């Protein structure tokens, strides 16, 4: 379990620098005071932390569909994903995620009004 909260430094660079060292990581929380996390950091997590089960990316306003595609391809064992407050995701990215992460039981979409349409939630 790894929790990084209220990081004063650049959380994006920090995440990229540690991802390759934690290949067996199962739970990761990246809480931010101000949104710093970008797609490149989530892609690093997806590329190296393939055993990840729970991921909290709440309030990561800078993330785009690239992050969800990376997670879908790199972290198929995800059971819990919190992307609350991330409003840039599309329906197609959420559908792709749900098709590839068959074990996903909990998906927090609070504040994701643009992405959380009936089509993506079916």
C-alpha atoms as a PDB file:
ATOM      1  CA  UNK A   1       0.000   0.000   0.000  1.00  0.00           C
ATOM      2  CA  UNK A   2       1.345   3.392  -0.969  1.00  0.00           C
ATOM      3  CA  UNK A   3      -0.305   6.704  -0.129  1.00  0.00           C
ATOM      4  CA  UNK A   4       1.042  10.032  -1.280  1.00  0.00           C
ATOM      5  CA  UNK A   5      -0.997  12.940   0.069  1.00  0.00           C
ATOM      6  CA  UNK A   6      -0.525  16.670   0.042  1.00  0.00           C
ATOM      7  CA  UNK A   7       2.769  16.408  -1.786  1.00  0.00           C
ATOM      8  CA  UNK A   8       4.379  19.840  -1.966  1.00  0.00           C
ATOM      9  CA  UNK A   9       6.807  18.769  -4.691  1.00  0.00           C
ATOM     10  CA  UNK A  10       5.839  17.815  -8.225  1.00  0.00           C
ATOM     11  CA  UNK A  11       3.709  14.706  -7.737  1.00  0.00           C
ATOM     12  CA  UNK A  12       3.869  13.935 -11.438  1.00  0.00           C
ATOM     13  CA  UNK A  13       7.672  13.590 -11.437  1.00  0.00           C
ATOM     14  CA  UNK A  14       7.632  11.745  -8.120  1.00  0.00           C
ATOM     15  CA  UNK A  15       5.145   9.177  -9.424  1.00  0.00           C
ATOM     16  CA  UNK A  16       7.116   8.626 -12.626  1.00  0.00           C
ATOM     17  CA  UNK A  17      10.323   8.160 -10.624  1.00  0.00           C
ATOM     18  CA  UNK A  18       8.960   5.499  -8.257  1.00  0.00           C
ATOM     19  CA  UNK A  19       6.581   3.515 -10.490  1.00  0.00           C
ATOM     20  CA  UNK A  20       9.232   1.154 -11.862  1.00  0.00           C
ATOM     21  CA  UNK A  21      10.341   0.251  -8.315  1.00  0.00           C
ATOM     22  CA  UNK A  22       6.899  -0.920  -7.158  1.00  0.00           C
ATOM     23  CA  UNK A  23       5.888  -3.618  -9.624  1.00  0.00           C
ATOM     24  CA  UNK A  24       3.987  -5.574  -6.962  1.00  0.00           C
ATOM     25  CA  UNK A  25       2.102  -2.570  -5.597  1.00  0.00           C
ATOM     26  CA  UNK A  26      -1.589  -3.342  -5.082  1.00  0.00           C
ATOM     27  CA  UNK A  27      -3.033  -0.154  -3.540  1.00  0.00           C
ATOM     28  CA  UNK A  28      -2.030   3.377  -4.534  1.00  0.00           C
ATOM     29  CA  UNK A  29      -3.546   6.673  -3.402  1.00  0.00           C
ATOM     30  CA  UNK A  30      -2.383   9.901  -5.026  1.00  0.00           C
ATOM     31  CA  UNK A  31      -4.193  12.768  -3.263  1.00  0.00           C
ATOM     32  CA  UNK A  32      -3.272  16.263  -4.276  1.00  0.00           C
ATOM     33  CA  UNK A  33      -3.603  19.708  -2.766  1.00  0.00           C
ATOM     34  CA  UNK A  34      -3.396  21.243  -6.206  1.00  0.00           C
ATOM     35  CA  UNK A  35      -3.784  19.175  -9.373  1.00  0.00           C
ATOM     36  CA  UNK A  36      -0.344  18.199 -10.654  1.00  0.00           C
ATOM     37  CA  UNK A  37      -0.796  14.653 -11.888  1.00  0.00           C
ATOM     38  CA  UNK A  38      -0.675  14.246 -15.655  1.00  0.00           C
ATOM     39  CA  UNK A  39      -1.245  11.362 -18.056  1.00  0.00           C
ATOM     40  CA  UNK A  40       2.475  10.543 -18.145  1.00  0.00           C
ATOM     41  CA  UNK A  41       2.433   9.626 -14.442  1.00  0.00           C
ATOM     42  CA  UNK A  42      -0.628   7.387 -14.781  1.00  0.00           C
ATOM     43  CA  UNK A  43       0.968   5.759 -17.828  1.00  0.00           C
ATOM     44  CA  UNK A  44       4.087   5.014 -15.756  1.00  0.00           C
ATOM     45  CA  UNK A  45       1.939   3.422 -13.048  1.00  0.00           C
ATOM     46  CA  UNK A  46       0.074   1.374 -15.661  1.00  0.00           C
ATOM     47  CA  UNK A  47       3.313   0.264 -17.329  1.00  0.00           C
ATOM     48  CA  UNK A  48       5.003  -0.953 -14.145  1.00  0.00           C
ATOM     49  CA  UNK A  49       2.373  -1.587 -11.468  1.00  0.00           C
ATOM     50  CA  UNK A  50       0.537  -4.322 -13.326  1.00  0.00           C
ATOM     51  CA  UNK A  51      -0.675  -5.984 -10.106  1.00  0.00           C
ATOM     52  CA  UNK A  52      -2.505  -2.833  -8.968  1.00  0.00           C
ATOM     53  CA  UNK A  53      -5.947  -3.520  -7.439  1.00  0.00           C
ATOM     54  CA  UNK A  54      -6.981  -0.137  -6.015  1.00  0.00           C
ATOM     55  CA  UNK A  55      -6.133   3.312  -7.339  1.00  0.00           C
ATOM     56  CA  UNK A  56      -7.267   6.722  -6.114  1.00  0.00           C
ATOM     57  CA  UNK A  57      -6.756   9.525  -8.633  1.00  0.00           C
ATOM     58  CA  UNK A  58      -9.416  11.832  -7.218  1.00  0.00           C
ATOM     59  CA  UNK A  59      -9.132  15.535  -8.066  1.00  0.00           C
ATOM     60  CA  UNK A  60      -6.646  14.870 -10.868  1.00  0.00           C
ATOM     61  CA  UNK A  61      -8.099  17.502 -13.173  1.00  0.00           C
ATOM     62  CA  UNK A  62      -5.288  17.307 -15.734  1.00  0.00           C
ATOM     63  CA  UNK A  63      -5.902  13.679 -16.687  1.00  0.00           C
ATOM     64  CA  UNK A  64      -7.396  12.753 -20.056  1.00  0.00           C
ATOM     65  CA  UNK A  65      -8.608   9.599 -21.785  1.00  0.00           C
ATOM     66  CA  UNK A  66      -4.959   8.559 -22.220  1.00  0.00           C
ATOM     67  CA  UNK A  67      -4.870   7.687 -18.519  1.00  0.00           C
ATOM     68  CA  UNK A  68      -7.912   5.423 -18.676  1.00  0.00           C
ATOM     69  CA  UNK A  69      -6.641   3.645 -21.784  1.00  0.00           C
ATOM     70  CA  UNK A  70      -3.275   3.087 -20.091  1.00  0.00           C
ATOM     71  CA  UNK A  71      -4.927   1.693 -16.953  1.00  0.00           C
ATOM     72  CA  UNK A  72      -7.188  -0.566 -18.999  1.00  0.00           C
ATOM     73  CA  UNK A  73      -4.206  -2.027 -20.851  1.00  0.00           C
ATOM     74  CA  UNK A  74      -1.704  -2.133 -18.003  1.00  0.00           C
ATOM     75  CA  UNK A  75      -3.787  -2.813 -14.884  1.00  0.00           C
ATOM     76  CA  UNK A  76      -6.438  -5.408 -15.760  1.00  0.00           C
ATOM     77  CA  UNK A  77      -6.670  -6.517 -12.108  1.00  0.00           C
ATOM     78  CA  UNK A  78      -8.120  -3.207 -10.893  1.00  0.00           C
ATOM     79  CA  UNK A  79     -11.055  -3.736  -8.542  1.00  0.00           C
ATOM     80  CA  UNK A  80     -11.460  -0.175  -7.263  1.00  0.00           C
ATOM     81  CA  UNK A  81     -10.842   3.116  -9.067  1.00  0.00           C
ATOM     82  CA  UNK A  82     -11.569   6.594  -7.748  1.00  0.00           C
ATOM     83  CA  UNK A  83     -11.582   9.243 -10.459  1.00  0.00           C
ATOM     84  CA  UNK A  84     -13.956  11.610  -8.692  1.00  0.00           C
ATOM     85  CA  UNK A  85     -13.561  15.184  -9.801  1.00  0.00           C
ATOM     86  CA  UNK A  86     -11.840  14.205 -13.045  1.00  0.00           C
ATOM     87  CA  UNK A  87     -14.135  15.749 -15.611  1.00  0.00           C
ATOM     88  CA  UNK A  88     -12.165  15.257 -18.838  1.00  0.00           C
ATOM     89  CA  UNK A  89     -12.883  11.575 -19.474  1.00  0.00           C
ATOM     90  CA  UNK A  90     -15.098  10.537 -22.371  1.00  0.00           C
ATOM     91  CA  UNK A  91     -17.741   7.828 -22.529  1.00  0.00           C
ATOM     92  CA  UNK A  92     -15.597   5.796 -24.903  1.00  0.00           C
ATOM     93  CA  UNK A  93     -12.646   5.756 -22.479  1.00  0.00           C
ATOM     94  CA  UNK A  94     -14.869   4.600 -19.610  1.00  0.00           C
ATOM     95  CA  UNK A  95     -16.391   1.888 -21.786  1.00  0.00           C
ATOM     96  CA  UNK A  96     -12.908   0.755 -22.839  1.00  0.00           C
ATOM     97  CA  UNK A  97     -11.838   0.626 -19.194  1.00  0.00           C
ATOM     98  CA  UNK A  98     -14.834  -1.458 -18.169  1.00  0.00           C
ATOM     99  CA  UNK A  99     -14.281  -3.895 -21.052  1.00  0.00           C
ATOM    100  CA  UNK A 100     -10.637  -4.490 -20.116  1.00  0.00           C
ATOM    101  CA  UNK A 101     -10.840  -4.352 -16.314  1.00  0.00           C
ATOM    102  CA  UNK A 102     -13.324  -7.167 -15.753  1.00  0.00           C
ATOM    103  CA  UNK A 103     -12.665  -7.252 -11.985  1.00  0.00           C
ATOM    104  CA  UNK A 104     -13.631  -3.597 -11.474  1.00  0.00           C
ATOM    105  CA  UNK A 105     -16.240  -3.555  -8.692  1.00  0.00           C
ATOM    106  CA  UNK A 106     -16.076   0.064  -7.524  1.00  0.00           C
ATOM    107  CA  UNK A 107     -15.769   3.093  -9.789  1.00  0.00           C
ATOM    108  CA  UNK A 108     -16.161   6.517  -8.154  1.00  0.00           C
ATOM    109  CA  UNK A 109     -17.322   9.004 -10.774  1.00  0.00           C
ATOM    110  CA  UNK A 110     -18.518  11.831  -8.506  1.00  0.00           C
ATOM    111  CA  UNK A 111     -17.993  15.098 -10.343  1.00  0.00           C
ATOM    112  CA  UNK A 112     -17.403  13.376 -13.689  1.00  0.00           C
ATOM    113  CA  UNK A 113     -20.621  14.630 -15.255  1.00  0.00           C
ATOM    114  CA  UNK A 114     -19.286  14.748 -18.812  1.00  0.00           C
ATOM    115  CA  UNK A 115     -18.164  11.125 -18.803  1.00  0.00           C
ATOM    116  CA  UNK A 116     -20.807   9.531 -16.631  1.00  0.00           C
ATOM    117  CA  UNK A 117     -23.626   9.176 -19.136  1.00  0.00           C
ATOM    118  CA  UNK A 118     -26.064   6.296 -19.403  1.00  0.00           C
ATOM    119  CA  UNK A 119     -24.087   4.802 -22.296  1.00  0.00           C
ATOM    120  CA  UNK A 120     -20.863   4.414 -20.318  1.00  0.00           C
ATOM    121  CA  UNK A 121     -22.601   3.125 -17.200  1.00  0.00           C
ATOM    122  CA  UNK A 122     -24.396   0.214 -18.836  1.00  0.00           C
END
